[in-house]
Each structure stands twice: as structure tokens, then as C-alpha cells.
Amino acid sequence: MDFDFKTLLVILVVVLIIFGGKKLRSIGDDLGHAVRGFKRAMNEGERDETDASAGSRQIRSEGTDAEFSETKTSNQASKTGRDA
């Protein structure tokens, strides 16, 4: 599927007729803002990952995890079911 110059020109003329010059300009501006925002977010995410790995912060556990009554009863039931 090769696009030569004539095909591209016809597509651009049809788009210009459908949307008009002002609407095309606003669509281009909106698309440009979206791309810039995406790039900015990607750069901030990379910076955050670099900062996190440089600091290597970890959450340390001071005790055992809490056990909930639902977990205890299901564990006990599964143990008794296996033993039977």
C-alpha cells in the first residue's frame, strides 16, 4: 500500500473540505498539546523511577502479618478436609 504524492494531496484536500481550516488548526493544536503532555508524563515517570532506585527505599515489616478470621476458618476447613 504505497502512498504517492497525488494520493496524499487528495486525502489532504478531502480532509480540508470536510473539517475546514479553523477546525483543522484546532485539531492540530489539541493533538500537539496531547503529545507534549504525554512526553512530559513519560519523562517524569522515568525521573521518579531513577530517584526511587537511587534511594532504594523499602518498607520494613516490624512483625507478622495480621490474620483475619475468614482466612483462619478457610485454612482450618481446608486442613480438616485434607485430613479426612
C-alpha atoms as a PDB file:
ATOM      1  CA  MET A   1       0.000   0.000   0.000  1.00  0.00           C
ATOM      2  CA  ASP A   2       2.145   2.827  -1.322  1.00  0.00           C
ATOM      3  CA  PHE A   3       1.105   6.443  -0.861  1.00  0.00           C
ATOM      4  CA  ASP A   4       2.440   8.649  -3.585  1.00  0.00           C
ATOM      5  CA  PHE A   5       2.262  12.439  -3.609  1.00  0.00           C
ATOM      6  CA  LYS A   6      -1.028  12.569  -5.557  1.00  0.00           C
ATOM      7  CA  THR A   7      -2.821  10.253  -3.128  1.00  0.00           C
ATOM      8  CA  LEU A   8      -1.603  12.223  -0.123  1.00  0.00           C
ATOM      9  CA  LEU A   9      -2.659  15.502  -1.746  1.00  0.00           C
ATOM     10  CA  VAL A  10      -6.166  14.172  -2.478  1.00  0.00           C
ATOM     11  CA  ILE A  11      -6.537  12.966   1.131  1.00  0.00           C
ATOM     12  CA  LEU A  12      -5.429  16.365   2.474  1.00  0.00           C
ATOM     13  CA  VAL A  13      -7.868  18.230   0.203  1.00  0.00           C
ATOM     14  CA  VAL A  14     -10.772  15.991   1.249  1.00  0.00           C
ATOM     15  CA  VAL A  15      -9.921  16.453   4.938  1.00  0.00           C
ATOM     16  CA  LEU A  16      -9.660  20.216   4.438  1.00  0.00           C
ATOM     17  CA  ILE A  17     -13.069  20.303   2.754  1.00  0.00           C
ATOM     18  CA  ILE A  18     -14.707  18.197   5.461  1.00  0.00           C
ATOM     19  CA  PHE A  19     -13.254  19.927   8.525  1.00  0.00           C
ATOM     20  CA  GLY A  20     -12.311  23.396   7.284  1.00  0.00           C
ATOM     21  CA  GLY A  21      -9.199  25.406   8.035  1.00  0.00           C
ATOM     22  CA  LYS A  22     -10.084  26.614  11.551  1.00  0.00           C
ATOM     23  CA  LYS A  23     -11.190  23.203  12.777  1.00  0.00           C
ATOM     24  CA  LEU A  24      -8.052  21.584  11.336  1.00  0.00           C
ATOM     25  CA  ARG A  25      -5.881  24.121  13.150  1.00  0.00           C
ATOM     26  CA  SER A  26      -7.639  23.466  16.463  1.00  0.00           C
ATOM     27  CA  ILE A  27      -7.335  19.702  15.961  1.00  0.00           C
ATOM     28  CA  GLY A  28      -3.610  20.135  15.316  1.00  0.00           C
ATOM     29  CA  ASP A  29      -3.191  22.287  18.423  1.00  0.00           C
ATOM     30  CA  ASP A  30      -5.065  19.788  20.579  1.00  0.00           C
ATOM     31  CA  LEU A  31      -3.014  16.907  19.207  1.00  0.00           C
ATOM     32  CA  GLY A  32       0.221  18.833  19.850  1.00  0.00           C
ATOM     33  CA  HIS A  33      -0.780  19.553  23.464  1.00  0.00           C
ATOM     34  CA  ALA A  34      -1.648  15.894  23.996  1.00  0.00           C
ATOM     35  CA  VAL A  35       1.696  14.701  22.625  1.00  0.00           C
ATOM     36  CA  ARG A  36       3.622  17.218  24.748  1.00  0.00           C
ATOM     37  CA  GLY A  37       1.688  16.187  27.857  1.00  0.00           C
ATOM     38  CA  PHE A  38       2.384  12.522  27.137  1.00  0.00           C
ATOM     39  CA  LYS A  39       6.112  13.165  26.680  1.00  0.00           C
ATOM     40  CA  ARG A  40       6.217  15.209  29.890  1.00  0.00           C
ATOM     41  CA  ALA A  41       4.489  12.421  31.832  1.00  0.00           C
ATOM     42  CA  MET A  42       6.886   9.827  30.434  1.00  0.00           C
ATOM     43  CA  ASN A  43       9.900  11.932  31.439  1.00  0.00           C
ATOM     44  CA  GLU A  44       8.512  12.455  34.949  1.00  0.00           C
ATOM     45  CA  GLY A  45       7.888   8.711  35.287  1.00  0.00           C
ATOM     46  CA  GLU A  46      11.460   7.920  34.256  1.00  0.00           C
ATOM     47  CA  ARG A  47      12.758  10.503  36.730  1.00  0.00           C
ATOM     48  CA  ASP A  48      10.645   9.004  39.523  1.00  0.00           C
ATOM     49  CA  GLU A  49      11.962   5.507  38.763  1.00  0.00           C
ATOM     50  CA  THR A  50      15.554   6.793  38.792  1.00  0.00           C
ATOM     51  CA  ASP A  51      15.001   8.601  42.113  1.00  0.00           C
ATOM     52  CA  ALA A  52      13.375   5.539  43.671  1.00  0.00           C
ATOM     53  CA  SER A  53      16.152   3.191  42.605  1.00  0.00           C
ATOM     54  CA  ALA A  54      18.857   5.615  43.781  1.00  0.00           C
ATOM     55  CA  GLY A  55      17.314   5.910  47.240  1.00  0.00           C
ATOM     56  CA  SER A  56      16.320   2.225  47.385  1.00  0.00           C
ATOM     57  CA  ARG A  57      13.665   2.880  49.969  1.00  0.00           C
ATOM     58  CA  GLN A  58      11.990  -0.198  51.377  1.00  0.00           C
ATOM     59  CA  ILE A  59       9.172  -0.686  53.799  1.00  0.00           C
ATOM     60  CA  ARG A  60      10.313  -2.887  56.631  1.00  0.00           C
ATOM     61  CA  SER A  61       7.993  -5.213  58.440  1.00  0.00           C
ATOM     62  CA  GLU A  62       8.090  -4.917  62.219  1.00  0.00           C
ATOM     63  CA  GLY A  63       6.032  -8.010  62.940  1.00  0.00           C
ATOM     64  CA  THR A  64       3.958 -10.740  61.439  1.00  0.00           C
ATOM     65  CA  ASP A  65       1.061 -10.092  59.124  1.00  0.00           C
ATOM     66  CA  ALA A  66      -2.393  -9.886  60.579  1.00  0.00           C
ATOM     67  CA  GLU A  67      -4.593 -12.928  60.156  1.00  0.00           C
ATOM     68  CA  PHE A  68      -8.264 -12.392  59.553  1.00  0.00           C
ATOM     69  CA  SER A  69     -10.966 -14.660  60.897  1.00  0.00           C
ATOM     70  CA  GLU A  70     -12.104 -15.544  57.363  1.00  0.00           C
ATOM     71  CA  THR A  71      -8.617 -16.697  56.492  1.00  0.00           C
ATOM     72  CA  LYS A  72      -8.292 -18.748  59.664  1.00  0.00           C
ATOM     73  CA  THR A  73     -11.595 -20.523  59.161  1.00  0.00           C
ATOM     74  CA  SER A  74     -10.923 -21.263  55.497  1.00  0.00           C
ATOM     75  CA  ASN A  75      -7.424 -22.538  56.331  1.00  0.00           C
ATOM     76  CA  GLN A  76      -8.767 -24.700  59.144  1.00  0.00           C
ATOM     77  CA  ALA A  77     -11.534 -26.042  56.922  1.00  0.00           C
ATOM     78  CA  SER A  78      -9.095 -26.911  54.159  1.00  0.00           C
ATOM     79  CA  LYS A  79      -6.779 -28.628  56.647  1.00  0.00           C
ATOM     80  CA  THR A  80      -9.592 -30.695  58.119  1.00  0.00           C
ATOM     81  CA  GLY A  81     -10.822 -31.532  54.627  1.00  0.00           C
ATOM     82  CA  ARG A  82      -7.405 -32.886  53.665  1.00  0.00           C
ATOM     83  CA  ASP A  83      -7.036 -34.876  56.867  1.00  0.00           C
ATOM     84  CA  ALA A  84     -10.408 -36.597  56.440  1.00  0.00           C
END
